[in-house]
Structure formats: structure tokens, C-alpha cells
All heavy atoms as atom14 arrays in JSON, in Angstrom:
{
  "sequence": "RQPDDHRHLPKNGLLQIVNTLAFRGVCDVLLPGTGDEQ",
  "atom14_mask": [
    [1, 1, 1, 1, 1, 1, 1, 1, 1, 1, 1, 0, 0, 0],
    [1, 1, 1, 1, 1, 1, 1, 1, 1, 0, 0, 0, 0, 0],
    [1, 1, 1, 1, 1, 1, 1, 0, 0, 0, 0, 0, 0, 0],
    [1, 1, 1, 1, 1, 1, 1, 1, 0, 0, 0, 0, 0, 0],
    [1, 1, 1, 1, 1, 1, 1, 1, 0, 0, 0, 0, 0, 0],
    [1, 1, 1, 1, 1, 1, 1, 1, 1, 1, 0, 0, 0, 0],
    [1, 1, 1, 1, 1, 1, 1, 1, 1, 1, 1, 0, 0, 0],
    [1, 1, 1, 1, 1, 1, 1, 1, 1, 1, 0, 0, 0, 0],
    [1, 1, 1, 1, 1, 1, 1, 1, 0, 0, 0, 0, 0, 0],
    [1, 1, 1, 1, 1, 1, 1, 0, 0, 0, 0, 0, 0, 0],
    [1, 1, 1, 1, 1, 1, 1, 1, 1, 0, 0, 0, 0, 0],
    [1, 1, 1, 1, 1, 1, 1, 1, 0, 0, 0, 0, 0, 0],
    [1, 1, 1, 1, 0, 0, 0, 0, 0, 0, 0, 0, 0, 0],
    [1, 1, 1, 1, 1, 1, 1, 1, 0, 0, 0, 0, 0, 0],
    [1, 1, 1, 1, 1, 1, 1, 1, 0, 0, 0, 0, 0, 0],
    [1, 1, 1, 1, 1, 1, 1, 1, 1, 0, 0, 0, 0, 0],
    [1, 1, 1, 1, 1, 1, 1, 1, 0, 0, 0, 0, 0, 0],
    [1, 1, 1, 1, 1, 1, 1, 0, 0, 0, 0, 0, 0, 0],
    [1, 1, 1, 1, 1, 1, 1, 1, 0, 0, 0, 0, 0, 0],
    [1, 1, 1, 1, 1, 1, 1, 0, 0, 0, 0, 0, 0, 0],
    [1, 1, 1, 1, 1, 1, 1, 1, 0, 0, 0, 0, 0, 0],
    [1, 1, 1, 1, 1, 0, 0, 0, 0, 0, 0, 0, 0, 0],
    [1, 1, 1, 1, 1, 1, 1, 1, 1, 1, 1, 0, 0, 0],
    [1, 1, 1, 1, 1, 1, 1, 1, 1, 1, 1, 0, 0, 0],
    [1, 1, 1, 1, 0, 0, 0, 0, 0, 0, 0, 0, 0, 0],
    [1, 1, 1, 1, 1, 1, 1, 0, 0, 0, 0, 0, 0, 0],
    [1, 1, 1, 1, 1, 1, 0, 0, 0, 0, 0, 0, 0, 0],
    [1, 1, 1, 1, 1, 1, 1, 1, 0, 0, 0, 0, 0, 0],
    [1, 1, 1, 1, 1, 1, 1, 0, 0, 0, 0, 0, 0, 0],
    [1, 1, 1, 1, 1, 1, 1, 1, 0, 0, 0, 0, 0, 0],
    [1, 1, 1, 1, 1, 1, 1, 1, 0, 0, 0, 0, 0, 0],
    [1, 1, 1, 1, 1, 1, 1, 0, 0, 0, 0, 0, 0, 0],
    [1, 1, 1, 1, 0, 0, 0, 0, 0, 0, 0, 0, 0, 0],
    [1, 1, 1, 1, 1, 1, 1, 0, 0, 0, 0, 0, 0, 0],
    [1, 1, 1, 1, 0, 0, 0, 0, 0, 0, 0, 0, 0, 0],
    [1, 1, 1, 1, 1, 1, 1, 1, 0, 0, 0, 0, 0, 0],
    [1, 1, 1, 1, 1, 1, 1, 1, 1, 0, 0, 0, 0, 0],
    [1, 1, 1, 1, 1, 1, 1, 1, 1, 0, 0, 0, 0, 0]
  ],
  "atom14_positions": [
    [[-15.18, -6.53, -4.21], [-15.44, -7.92, -4.46], [-14.97, -8.34, -5.84], [-15.07, -9.56, -6.23], [-16.99, -8.2, -4.36], [-17.43, -8.24, -2.94], [-18.74, -9.0, -2.79], [-19.06, -9.28, -1.46], [-18.67, -10.37, -0.77], [-17.92, -11.31, -1.4], [-18.97, -10.57, 0.47], [0.0, 0.0, 0.0], [0.0, 0.0, 0.0], [0.0, 0.0, 0.0]],
    [[-14.45, -7.43, -6.64], [-13.92, -7.8, -7.95], [-12.68, -8.66, -7.79], [-11.83, -8.41, -6.95], [-13.59, -6.54, -8.77], [-14.74, -5.62, -9.04], [-15.76, -6.26, -9.98], [-15.38, -7.02, -10.87], [-17.02, -6.0, -9.77], [0.0, 0.0, 0.0], [0.0, 0.0, 0.0], [0.0, 0.0, 0.0], [0.0, 0.0, 0.0], [0.0, 0.0, 0.0]],
    [[-12.54, -9.69, -8.61], [-11.39, -10.58, -8.49], [-10.03, -9.88, -8.65], [-9.02, -10.35, -8.11], [-11.61, -11.6, -9.68], [-13.04, -11.49, -10.05], [-13.44, -10.1, -9.67], [0.0, 0.0, 0.0], [0.0, 0.0, 0.0], [0.0, 0.0, 0.0], [0.0, 0.0, 0.0], [0.0, 0.0, 0.0], [0.0, 0.0, 0.0], [0.0, 0.0, 0.0]],
    [[-10.01, -8.79, -9.35], [-8.7, -8.11, -9.56], [-8.48, -6.89, -8.67], [-7.51, -6.19, -8.78], [-8.59, -7.68, -11.02], [-9.67, -6.68, -11.4], [-10.69, -6.58, -10.71], [-9.48, -6.01, -12.48], [0.0, 0.0, 0.0], [0.0, 0.0, 0.0], [0.0, 0.0, 0.0], [0.0, 0.0, 0.0], [0.0, 0.0, 0.0], [0.0, 0.0, 0.0]],
    [[-9.35, -6.68, -7.7], [-9.25, -5.46, -6.82], [-8.31, -5.72, -5.63], [-7.3, -5.03, -5.53], [-10.63, -5.04, -6.36], [-10.57, -3.71, -5.59], [-10.48, -2.66, -6.24], [-10.58, -3.77, -4.37], [0.0, 0.0, 0.0], [0.0, 0.0, 0.0], [0.0, 0.0, 0.0], [0.0, 0.0, 0.0], [0.0, 0.0, 0.0], [0.0, 0.0, 0.0]],
    [[-8.62, -6.58, -4.71], [-7.81, -6.91, -3.59], [-7.45, -5.78, -2.68], [-6.39, -5.79, -2.05], [-6.48, -7.63, -4.06], [-6.72, -8.81, -4.89], [-7.22, -10.02, -4.42], [-6.54, -9.02, -6.21], [-7.32, -10.91, -5.39], [-6.92, -10.33, -6.49], [0.0, 0.0, 0.0], [0.0, 0.0, 0.0], [0.0, 0.0, 0.0], [0.0, 0.0, 0.0]],
    [[-8.32, -4.77, -2.58], [-8.04, -3.61, -1.7], [-7.97, -4.03, -0.21], [-7.44, -3.27, 0.57], [-9.07, -2.5, -1.95], [-10.43, -2.74, -1.45], [-11.43, -1.62, -1.78], [-11.3, -1.21, -3.15], [-10.87, 0.0, -3.53], [-10.56, 0.88, -2.61], [-10.73, 0.29, -4.78], [0.0, 0.0, 0.0], [0.0, 0.0, 0.0], [0.0, 0.0, 0.0]],
    [[-8.49, -5.2, 0.15], [-8.5, -5.65, 1.51], [-7.08, -6.18, 1.97], [-6.86, -6.28, 3.16], [-9.53, -6.75, 1.7], [-9.23, -7.99, 0.91], [-9.43, -8.05, -0.46], [-8.71, -9.19, 1.28], [-9.07, -9.25, -0.91], [-8.63, -9.96, 0.15], [0.0, 0.0, 0.0], [0.0, 0.0, 0.0], [0.0, 0.0, 0.0], [0.0, 0.0, 0.0]],
    [[-6.24, -6.44, 1.02], [-4.95, -7.02, 1.37], [-3.98, -5.94, 1.82], [-3.99, -4.82, 1.29], [-4.37, -7.74, 0.16], [-5.12, -9.0, -0.3], [-4.46, -9.54, -1.57], [-5.14, -10.02, 0.81], [0.0, 0.0, 0.0], [0.0, 0.0, 0.0], [0.0, 0.0, 0.0], [0.0, 0.0, 0.0], [0.0, 0.0, 0.0], [0.0, 0.0, 0.0]],
    [[-3.07, -6.23, 2.74], [-2.1, -5.25, 3.17], [-1.23, -4.71, 2.04], [-0.92, -3.52, 2.01], [-1.19, -6.1, 4.15], [-2.11, -7.14, 4.69], [-3.02, -7.47, 3.53], [0.0, 0.0, 0.0], [0.0, 0.0, 0.0], [0.0, 0.0, 0.0], [0.0, 0.0, 0.0], [0.0, 0.0, 0.0], [0.0, 0.0, 0.0], [0.0, 0.0, 0.0]],
    [[-0.93, -5.59, 1.04], [-0.05, -5.1, -0.03], [-0.76, -4.05, -0.91], [-0.08, -3.38, -1.7], [0.41, -6.27, -0.91], [-0.67, -6.93, -1.72], [-0.11, -8.06, -2.55], [-1.18, -8.69, -3.42], [-0.67, -9.76, -4.23], [0.0, 0.0, 0.0], [0.0, 0.0, 0.0], [0.0, 0.0, 0.0], [0.0, 0.0, 0.0], [0.0, 0.0, 0.0]],
    [[-2.03, -3.87, -0.76], [-2.73, -2.84, -1.48], [-3.22, -1.71, -0.59], [-2.93, -0.54, -0.83], [-3.94, -3.42, -2.27], [-3.43, -4.34, -3.37], [-2.42, -4.13, -3.96], [-4.2, -5.39, -3.6], [0.0, 0.0, 0.0], [0.0, 0.0, 0.0], [0.0, 0.0, 0.0], [0.0, 0.0, 0.0], [0.0, 0.0, 0.0], [0.0, 0.0, 0.0]],
    [[-3.94, -2.05, 0.5], [-4.49, -1.05, 1.4], [-3.39, -0.24, 2.11], [-3.39, 0.98, 2.09], [0.0, 0.0, 0.0], [0.0, 0.0, 0.0], [0.0, 0.0, 0.0], [0.0, 0.0, 0.0], [0.0, 0.0, 0.0], [0.0, 0.0, 0.0], [0.0, 0.0, 0.0], [0.0, 0.0, 0.0], [0.0, 0.0, 0.0], [0.0, 0.0, 0.0]],
    [[-2.47, -0.94, 2.74], [-1.39, -0.22, 3.47], [-0.51, 0.57, 2.49], [-0.08, 1.68, 2.8], [-0.52, -1.23, 4.24], [-1.16, -1.88, 5.46], [-0.23, -2.92, 6.05], [-1.6, -0.84, 6.49], [0.0, 0.0, 0.0], [0.0, 0.0, 0.0], [0.0, 0.0, 0.0], [0.0, 0.0, 0.0], [0.0, 0.0, 0.0], [0.0, 0.0, 0.0]],
    [[-0.26, -0.05, 1.32], [0.53, 0.66, 0.31], [-0.11, 1.97, -0.1], [0.55, 3.02, -0.2], [0.69, -0.26, -0.88], [1.96, -0.15, -1.68], [3.18, -0.63, -0.91], [1.86, -0.95, -2.95], [0.0, 0.0, 0.0], [0.0, 0.0, 0.0], [0.0, 0.0, 0.0], [0.0, 0.0, 0.0], [0.0, 0.0, 0.0], [0.0, 0.0, 0.0]],
    [[-1.43, 1.92, -0.36], [-2.08, 3.15, -0.81], [-2.1, 4.2, 0.31], [-1.85, 5.42, 0.03], [-3.5, 2.84, -1.22], [-4.18, 4.05, -1.77], [-5.53, 3.82, -2.41], [-5.81, 2.72, -2.87], [-6.34, 4.8, -2.48], [0.0, 0.0, 0.0], [0.0, 0.0, 0.0], [0.0, 0.0, 0.0], [0.0, 0.0, 0.0], [0.0, 0.0, 0.0]],
    [[-2.35, 3.83, 1.55], [-2.39, 4.82, 2.63], [-1.03, 5.45, 2.84], [-0.9, 6.67, 2.87], [-2.87, 4.13, 3.92], [-4.38, 3.81, 3.78], [-2.65, 5.02, 5.13], [-4.93, 2.9, 4.85], [0.0, 0.0, 0.0], [0.0, 0.0, 0.0], [0.0, 0.0, 0.0], [0.0, 0.0, 0.0], [0.0, 0.0, 0.0], [0.0, 0.0, 0.0]],
    [[0.02, 4.64, 2.95], [1.33, 5.17, 3.21], [1.81, 5.97, 2.02], [2.37, 7.05, 2.17], [2.32, 4.05, 3.56], [3.77, 4.55, 3.56], [1.96, 3.4, 4.89], [0.0, 0.0, 0.0], [0.0, 0.0, 0.0], [0.0, 0.0, 0.0], [0.0, 0.0, 0.0], [0.0, 0.0, 0.0], [0.0, 0.0, 0.0], [0.0, 0.0, 0.0]],
    [[1.58, 5.5, 0.78], [2.08, 6.26, -0.36], [1.29, 7.56, -0.61], [1.85, 8.47, -1.21], [2.15, 5.35, -1.57], [3.31, 4.38, -1.44], [4.23, 4.56, -0.65], [3.28, 3.3, -2.18], [0.0, 0.0, 0.0], [0.0, 0.0, 0.0], [0.0, 0.0, 0.0], [0.0, 0.0, 0.0], [0.0, 0.0, 0.0], [0.0, 0.0, 0.0]],
    [[0.03, 7.6, -0.19], [-0.69, 8.85, -0.22], [0.01, 9.88, 0.66], [0.21, 11.05, 0.27], [-2.16, 8.65, 0.24], [-2.81, 7.81, -0.7], [-2.9, 9.97, 0.3], [0.0, 0.0, 0.0], [0.0, 0.0, 0.0], [0.0, 0.0, 0.0], [0.0, 0.0, 0.0], [0.0, 0.0, 0.0], [0.0, 0.0, 0.0], [0.0, 0.0, 0.0]],
    [[0.42, 9.44, 1.84], [1.12, 10.31, 2.77], [2.54, 10.65, 2.2], [3.01, 11.79, 2.36], [1.22, 9.67, 4.14], [-0.15, 9.54, 4.83], [-0.06, 8.54, 5.99], [-0.63, 10.88, 5.32], [0.0, 0.0, 0.0], [0.0, 0.0, 0.0], [0.0, 0.0, 0.0], [0.0, 0.0, 0.0], [0.0, 0.0, 0.0], [0.0, 0.0, 0.0]],
    [[3.19, 9.68, 1.61], [4.53, 9.93, 1.01], [4.44, 10.98, -0.08], [5.29, 11.85, -0.23], [5.11, 8.63, 0.48], [0.0, 0.0, 0.0], [0.0, 0.0, 0.0], [0.0, 0.0, 0.0], [0.0, 0.0, 0.0], [0.0, 0.0, 0.0], [0.0, 0.0, 0.0], [0.0, 0.0, 0.0], [0.0, 0.0, 0.0], [0.0, 0.0, 0.0]],
    [[3.39, 10.88, -0.91], [3.16, 11.89, -1.97], [3.07, 13.26, -1.41], [3.48, 14.25, -2.05], [1.91, 11.5, -2.76], [1.59, 12.47, -3.85], [2.29, 12.45, -5.04], [0.55, 13.37, -3.73], [2.04, 13.34, -6.08], [0.26, 14.28, -4.74], [0.99, 14.25, -5.88], [0.0, 0.0, 0.0], [0.0, 0.0, 0.0], [0.0, 0.0, 0.0]],
    [[2.55, 13.41, -0.23], [2.43, 14.7, 0.44], [3.73, 15.17, 1.12], [3.83, 16.23, 1.65], [1.35, 14.68, 1.53], [-0.07, 14.47, 0.94], [-1.07, 14.46, 2.04], [-2.35, 13.95, 1.55], [-3.3, 13.47, 2.31], [-3.11, 13.45, 3.64], [-4.4, 13.03, 1.8], [0.0, 0.0, 0.0], [0.0, 0.0, 0.0], [0.0, 0.0, 0.0]],
    [[4.72, 14.26, 1.12], [6.03, 14.59, 1.64], [6.2, 14.39, 3.14], [7.11, 14.93, 3.72], [0.0, 0.0, 0.0], [0.0, 0.0, 0.0], [0.0, 0.0, 0.0], [0.0, 0.0, 0.0], [0.0, 0.0, 0.0], [0.0, 0.0, 0.0], [0.0, 0.0, 0.0], [0.0, 0.0, 0.0], [0.0, 0.0, 0.0], [0.0, 0.0, 0.0]],
    [[5.31, 13.59, 3.76], [5.4, 13.46, 5.24], [6.07, 12.12, 5.66], [6.27, 11.92, 6.84], [4.04, 13.62, 5.91], [3.51, 15.02, 5.74], [3.04, 12.6, 5.43], [0.0, 0.0, 0.0], [0.0, 0.0, 0.0], [0.0, 0.0, 0.0], [0.0, 0.0, 0.0], [0.0, 0.0, 0.0], [0.0, 0.0, 0.0], [0.0, 0.0, 0.0]],
    [[6.4, 11.28, 4.71], [7.11, 10.04, 5.01], [7.7, 9.49, 3.74], [7.46, 9.99, 2.63], [6.2, 9.0, 5.66], [4.92, 8.3, 4.58], [0.0, 0.0, 0.0], [0.0, 0.0, 0.0], [0.0, 0.0, 0.0], [0.0, 0.0, 0.0], [0.0, 0.0, 0.0], [0.0, 0.0, 0.0], [0.0, 0.0, 0.0], [0.0, 0.0, 0.0]],
    [[8.55, 8.45, 3.85], [9.07, 7.78, 2.69], [8.03, 6.86, 2.09], [7.09, 6.41, 2.72], [10.24, 6.92, 3.13], [11.47, 7.74, 3.58], [11.56, 8.91, 3.15], [12.27, 7.24, 4.35], [0.0, 0.0, 0.0], [0.0, 0.0, 0.0], [0.0, 0.0, 0.0], [0.0, 0.0, 0.0], [0.0, 0.0, 0.0], [0.0, 0.0, 0.0]],
    [[8.23, 6.57, 0.81], [7.29, 5.66, 0.09], [7.43, 4.25, 0.59], [8.43, 3.89, 1.22], [7.52, 5.68, -1.44], [7.25, 7.05, -2.02], [8.86, 5.16, -1.79], [0.0, 0.0, 0.0], [0.0, 0.0, 0.0], [0.0, 0.0, 0.0], [0.0, 0.0, 0.0], [0.0, 0.0, 0.0], [0.0, 0.0, 0.0], [0.0, 0.0, 0.0]],
    [[6.43, 3.48, 0.34], [6.39, 2.05, 0.63], [6.35, 1.35, -0.71], [5.35, 1.54, -1.46], [5.17, 1.72, 1.5], [5.05, 0.35, 2.15], [6.29, 0.08, 3.03], [3.82, 0.31, 3.0], [0.0, 0.0, 0.0], [0.0, 0.0, 0.0], [0.0, 0.0, 0.0], [0.0, 0.0, 0.0], [0.0, 0.0, 0.0], [0.0, 0.0, 0.0]],
    [[7.4, 0.57, -1.04], [7.46, -0.03, -2.36], [6.68, -1.33, -2.41], [6.65, -2.08, -1.46], [8.94, -0.29, -2.71], [9.83, 0.92, -2.79], [11.25, 0.54, -3.0], [9.33, 1.88, -3.9], [0.0, 0.0, 0.0], [0.0, 0.0, 0.0], [0.0, 0.0, 0.0], [0.0, 0.0, 0.0], [0.0, 0.0, 0.0], [0.0, 0.0, 0.0]],
    [[6.07, -1.59, -3.54], [5.36, -2.88, -3.75], [6.34, -4.02, -3.55], [7.53, -3.9, -3.9], [4.84, -2.79, -5.16], [4.81, -1.38, -5.52], [5.94, -0.74, -4.72], [0.0, 0.0, 0.0], [0.0, 0.0, 0.0], [0.0, 0.0, 0.0], [0.0, 0.0, 0.0], [0.0, 0.0, 0.0], [0.0, 0.0, 0.0], [0.0, 0.0, 0.0]],
    [[5.86, -5.13, -3.08], [6.7, -6.3, -2.89], [7.64, -6.24, -1.7], [8.59, -6.96, -1.63], [0.0, 0.0, 0.0], [0.0, 0.0, 0.0], [0.0, 0.0, 0.0], [0.0, 0.0, 0.0], [0.0, 0.0, 0.0], [0.0, 0.0, 0.0], [0.0, 0.0, 0.0], [0.0, 0.0, 0.0], [0.0, 0.0, 0.0], [0.0, 0.0, 0.0]],
    [[7.28, -5.37, -0.73], [8.1, -5.19, 0.44], [7.8, -6.34, 1.45], [7.04, -6.19, 2.37], [7.83, -3.86, 1.12], [7.95, -2.81, 0.17], [8.75, -3.55, 2.3], [0.0, 0.0, 0.0], [0.0, 0.0, 0.0], [0.0, 0.0, 0.0], [0.0, 0.0, 0.0], [0.0, 0.0, 0.0], [0.0, 0.0, 0.0], [0.0, 0.0, 0.0]],
    [[8.4, -7.48, 1.22], [8.28, -8.64, 2.15], [6.9, -9.18, 2.26], [5.99, -8.9, 1.5], [0.0, 0.0, 0.0], [0.0, 0.0, 0.0], [0.0, 0.0, 0.0], [0.0, 0.0, 0.0], [0.0, 0.0, 0.0], [0.0, 0.0, 0.0], [0.0, 0.0, 0.0], [0.0, 0.0, 0.0], [0.0, 0.0, 0.0], [0.0, 0.0, 0.0]],
    [[6.71, -10.01, 3.28], [5.43, -10.67, 3.56], [4.5, -9.67, 4.22], [4.88, -8.53, 4.49], [5.59, -11.92, 4.35], [6.18, -11.66, 5.75], [6.15, -10.52, 6.25], [6.74, -12.63, 6.35], [0.0, 0.0, 0.0], [0.0, 0.0, 0.0], [0.0, 0.0, 0.0], [0.0, 0.0, 0.0], [0.0, 0.0, 0.0], [0.0, 0.0, 0.0]],
    [[3.3, -10.11, 4.54], [2.31, -9.15, 5.1], [2.72, -8.63, 6.45], [2.48, -7.46, 6.77], [0.92, -9.84, 5.1], [0.32, -10.2, 6.39], [-0.93, -11.06, 6.18], [-1.5, -11.19, 5.07], [-1.34, -11.63, 7.18], [0.0, 0.0, 0.0], [0.0, 0.0, 0.0], [0.0, 0.0, 0.0], [0.0, 0.0, 0.0], [0.0, 0.0, 0.0]],
    [[3.37, -9.43, 7.32], [3.83, -8.93, 8.62], [4.95, -7.89, 8.44], [5.0, -6.88, 9.13], [4.27, -10.07, 9.52], [3.05, -10.89, 10.06], [2.06, -10.03, 10.82], [2.44, -9.21, 11.65], [0.79, -10.21, 10.48], [0.0, 0.0, 0.0], [0.0, 0.0, 0.0], [0.0, 0.0, 0.0], [0.0, 0.0, 0.0], [0.0, 0.0, 0.0]]
  ]
}
């Protein structure tokens, strides 16, 4: 609920999930600013 958190948004939640997996070497990273939410 913090104004600066925004973990509910795709640009934060999806980014963190995919990049956690990328860090483990199982996929490519997802860069911030990758298009619109869809």
C-alpha cells in the first residue's frame, strides 16, 4: 500500500518473477520498460 511500492503492477511483479528465474539461468531477463502491460 506504500505509494512508491507498486508491486501489484505487471512492470514490477512480472519483472521480479521472471528476473528471479533469469538469475538462476533458466530464461532470459525481462528488461524494465518493455512495452505496455499487455
